[in-house]
Amino acid sequence: MDALLSFLLLFIILAMISVLGTFLLFFARQVKVQKFAFYLMIGVGFLVTFLNIERLSHEYFTLYPVPWIIGTLTVLSFTIEIIGKFHYKFTLAKSLVSLSVIVGVASLFLL
């Protein structure tokens, strides 16, 4: 019973962080708060990707590409923010990291 309770607690914490981070990414007025939320969401994206990869057993080999795609979106958003040289790079990076975290949390607990 302790394992199920800790898994439920992990789900609640990840869901709250993803919703709060997405809200701060798009509705915070200060750039520092948006940058902090962006890097927090990058970290959560990597954590969710790691958890998705680790939870799949060898019986579900058809689902292996899902966490790798989610991780690729996270890395792509980080790369766009660091290297991108176009005007809307932060908006695109925010959108990609939000998509990767929300889809990652949903796939972690629905698949």
C-alpha atoms as a PDB file:
ATOM      1  CA  MET A   1       0.000   0.000   0.000  1.00  0.00           C
ATOM      2  CA  ASP A   2       2.930   2.345   0.598  1.00  0.00           C
ATOM      3  CA  ALA A   3       4.071   2.069  -3.006  1.00  0.00           C
ATOM      4  CA  LEU A   4       0.631   2.996  -4.333  1.00  0.00           C
ATOM      5  CA  LEU A   5       0.401   5.929  -1.967  1.00  0.00           C
ATOM      6  CA  SER A   6       3.818   7.230  -2.990  1.00  0.00           C
ATOM      7  CA  PHE A   7       2.907   6.804  -6.663  1.00  0.00           C
ATOM      8  CA  LEU A   8      -0.305   8.791  -6.108  1.00  0.00           C
ATOM      9  CA  LEU A   9       1.644  11.488  -4.288  1.00  0.00           C
ATOM     10  CA  LEU A  10       4.153  11.642  -7.155  1.00  0.00           C
ATOM     11  CA  PHE A  11       1.319  12.006  -9.657  1.00  0.00           C
ATOM     12  CA  ILE A  12      -0.284  14.825  -7.659  1.00  0.00           C
ATOM     13  CA  ILE A  13       3.019  16.683  -7.318  1.00  0.00           C
ATOM     14  CA  LEU A  14       3.902  16.309 -11.019  1.00  0.00           C
ATOM     15  CA  ALA A  15       0.414  17.363 -12.102  1.00  0.00           C
ATOM     16  CA  MET A  16       0.499  20.439  -9.863  1.00  0.00           C
ATOM     17  CA  ILE A  17       3.971  21.451 -11.033  1.00  0.00           C
ATOM     18  CA  SER A  18       3.022  21.017 -14.690  1.00  0.00           C
ATOM     19  CA  VAL A  19      -0.167  23.068 -14.369  1.00  0.00           C
ATOM     20  CA  LEU A  20       1.487  25.780 -12.269  1.00  0.00           C
ATOM     21  CA  GLY A  21       4.536  25.897 -14.541  1.00  0.00           C
ATOM     22  CA  THR A  22       2.418  26.171 -17.670  1.00  0.00           C
ATOM     23  CA  PHE A  23       0.349  28.918 -16.067  1.00  0.00           C
ATOM     24  CA  LEU A  24       3.487  30.848 -15.080  1.00  0.00           C
ATOM     25  CA  LEU A  25       5.047  30.365 -18.515  1.00  0.00           C
ATOM     26  CA  PHE A  26       2.198  32.023 -20.346  1.00  0.00           C
ATOM     27  CA  PHE A  27       0.600  34.415 -17.867  1.00  0.00           C
ATOM     28  CA  ALA A  28       3.442  35.813 -15.745  1.00  0.00           C
ATOM     29  CA  ARG A  29       4.317  39.373 -16.598  1.00  0.00           C
ATOM     30  CA  GLN A  30       7.945  39.368 -15.457  1.00  0.00           C
ATOM     31  CA  VAL A  31      10.523  37.797 -17.722  1.00  0.00           C
ATOM     32  CA  LYS A  32      12.505  36.419 -14.761  1.00  0.00           C
ATOM     33  CA  VAL A  33       9.471  34.477 -13.552  1.00  0.00           C
ATOM     34  CA  GLN A  34       8.894  33.110 -17.053  1.00  0.00           C
ATOM     35  CA  LYS A  35      12.548  32.061 -17.363  1.00  0.00           C
ATOM     36  CA  PHE A  36      12.432  30.364 -13.940  1.00  0.00           C
ATOM     37  CA  ALA A  37       9.234  28.539 -14.912  1.00  0.00           C
ATOM     38  CA  PHE A  38      10.795  27.559 -18.246  1.00  0.00           C
ATOM     39  CA  TYR A  39      13.851  25.968 -16.648  1.00  0.00           C
ATOM     40  CA  LEU A  40      11.666  24.322 -14.003  1.00  0.00           C
ATOM     41  CA  MET A  41       9.539  22.824 -16.768  1.00  0.00           C
ATOM     42  CA  ILE A  42      12.688  21.646 -18.578  1.00  0.00           C
ATOM     43  CA  GLY A  43      13.708  19.785 -15.426  1.00  0.00           C
ATOM     44  CA  VAL A  44      10.229  18.317 -14.995  1.00  0.00           C
ATOM     45  CA  GLY A  45      10.251  17.315 -18.665  1.00  0.00           C
ATOM     46  CA  PHE A  46      13.489  15.390 -18.191  1.00  0.00           C
ATOM     47  CA  LEU A  47      12.140  13.780 -15.008  1.00  0.00           C
ATOM     48  CA  VAL A  48       8.911  12.729 -16.704  1.00  0.00           C
ATOM     49  CA  THR A  49      10.846  11.349 -19.663  1.00  0.00           C
ATOM     50  CA  PHE A  50      13.085   9.341 -17.345  1.00  0.00           C
ATOM     51  CA  LEU A  51      10.092   7.996 -15.425  1.00  0.00           C
ATOM     52  CA  ASN A  52       8.322   7.077 -18.670  1.00  0.00           C
ATOM     53  CA  ILE A  53      11.373   5.205 -19.960  1.00  0.00           C
ATOM     54  CA  GLU A  54      11.946   3.371 -16.700  1.00  0.00           C
ATOM     55  CA  ARG A  55       8.359   2.224 -16.213  1.00  0.00           C
ATOM     56  CA  LEU A  56       8.023   0.412 -19.541  1.00  0.00           C
ATOM     57  CA  SER A  57       8.728  -3.277 -19.386  1.00  0.00           C
ATOM     58  CA  HIS A  58       9.938  -5.386 -22.278  1.00  0.00           C
ATOM     59  CA  GLU A  59       6.392  -6.571 -22.975  1.00  0.00           C
ATOM     60  CA  TYR A  60       5.352  -3.105 -24.177  1.00  0.00           C
ATOM     61  CA  PHE A  61       8.032  -2.568 -26.810  1.00  0.00           C
ATOM     62  CA  THR A  62       5.531  -0.825 -29.111  1.00  0.00           C
ATOM     63  CA  LEU A  63       5.274   2.062 -26.622  1.00  0.00           C
ATOM     64  CA  TYR A  64       9.038   2.700 -26.460  1.00  0.00           C
ATOM     65  CA  PRO A  65       9.031   5.643 -28.919  1.00  0.00           C
ATOM     66  CA  VAL A  66       6.525   7.668 -26.843  1.00  0.00           C
ATOM     67  CA  PRO A  67       8.880   8.719 -24.020  1.00  0.00           C
ATOM     68  CA  TRP A  68      11.729   9.313 -26.439  1.00  0.00           C
ATOM     69  CA  ILE A  69       9.552  11.680 -28.491  1.00  0.00           C
ATOM     70  CA  ILE A  70       8.577  13.520 -25.312  1.00  0.00           C
ATOM     71  CA  GLY A  71      12.233  13.809 -24.322  1.00  0.00           C
ATOM     72  CA  THR A  72      13.126  15.016 -27.803  1.00  0.00           C
ATOM     73  CA  LEU A  73      10.552  17.816 -27.494  1.00  0.00           C
ATOM     74  CA  THR A  74      12.099  18.850 -24.193  1.00  0.00           C
ATOM     75  CA  VAL A  75      15.619  18.891 -25.619  1.00  0.00           C
ATOM     76  CA  LEU A  76      14.388  20.710 -28.727  1.00  0.00           C
ATOM     77  CA  SER A  77      12.742  23.452 -26.661  1.00  0.00           C
ATOM     78  CA  PHE A  78      15.912  23.909 -24.610  1.00  0.00           C
ATOM     79  CA  THR A  79      18.014  24.039 -27.785  1.00  0.00           C
ATOM     80  CA  ILE A  80      15.705  26.590 -29.399  1.00  0.00           C
ATOM     81  CA  GLU A  81      15.933  28.815 -26.338  1.00  0.00           C
ATOM     82  CA  ILE A  82      19.721  28.637 -26.155  1.00  0.00           C
ATOM     83  CA  ILE A  83      20.708  28.676 -29.841  1.00  0.00           C
ATOM     84  CA  GLY A  84      17.667  30.153 -31.620  1.00  0.00           C
ATOM     85  CA  LYS A  85      18.177  33.460 -33.395  1.00  0.00           C
ATOM     86  CA  PHE A  86      14.642  34.366 -34.426  1.00  0.00           C
ATOM     87  CA  HIS A  87      12.184  36.741 -32.811  1.00  0.00           C
ATOM     88  CA  TYR A  88       9.640  34.308 -31.345  1.00  0.00           C
ATOM     89  CA  LYS A  89      12.097  31.720 -30.048  1.00  0.00           C
ATOM     90  CA  PHE A  90      11.004  31.950 -26.401  1.00  0.00           C
ATOM     91  CA  THR A  91       7.328  31.594 -27.317  1.00  0.00           C
ATOM     92  CA  LEU A  92       8.059  28.511 -29.406  1.00  0.00           C
ATOM     93  CA  ALA A  93      10.280  27.048 -26.683  1.00  0.00           C
ATOM     94  CA  LYS A  94       7.590  27.667 -24.051  1.00  0.00           C
ATOM     95  CA  SER A  95       4.981  25.966 -26.196  1.00  0.00           C
ATOM     96  CA  LEU A  96       7.162  22.927 -26.850  1.00  0.00           C
ATOM     97  CA  VAL A  97       8.162  22.424 -23.226  1.00  0.00           C
ATOM     98  CA  SER A  98       4.552  22.803 -22.062  1.00  0.00           C
ATOM     99  CA  LEU A  99       3.418  20.276 -24.637  1.00  0.00           C
ATOM    100  CA  SER A 100       6.136  17.823 -23.674  1.00  0.00           C
ATOM    101  CA  VAL A 101       5.428  18.041 -19.934  1.00  0.00           C
ATOM    102  CA  ILE A 102       1.645  17.799 -20.249  1.00  0.00           C
ATOM    103  CA  VAL A 103       1.798  14.900 -22.707  1.00  0.00           C
ATOM    104  CA  GLY A 104       4.521  13.271 -20.625  1.00  0.00           C
ATOM    105  CA  VAL A 105       2.537  13.417 -17.397  1.00  0.00           C
ATOM    106  CA  ALA A 106      -0.564  12.171 -19.196  1.00  0.00           C
ATOM    107  CA  SER A 107       1.306   9.270 -20.808  1.00  0.00           C
ATOM    108  CA  LEU A 108       3.007   8.430 -17.527  1.00  0.00           C
ATOM    109  CA  PHE A 109      -0.272   7.846 -15.795  1.00  0.00           C
ATOM    110  CA  LEU A 110      -2.613   6.833 -18.624  1.00  0.00           C
ATOM    111  CA  LEU A 111      -0.581   4.336 -20.663  1.00  0.00           C
END
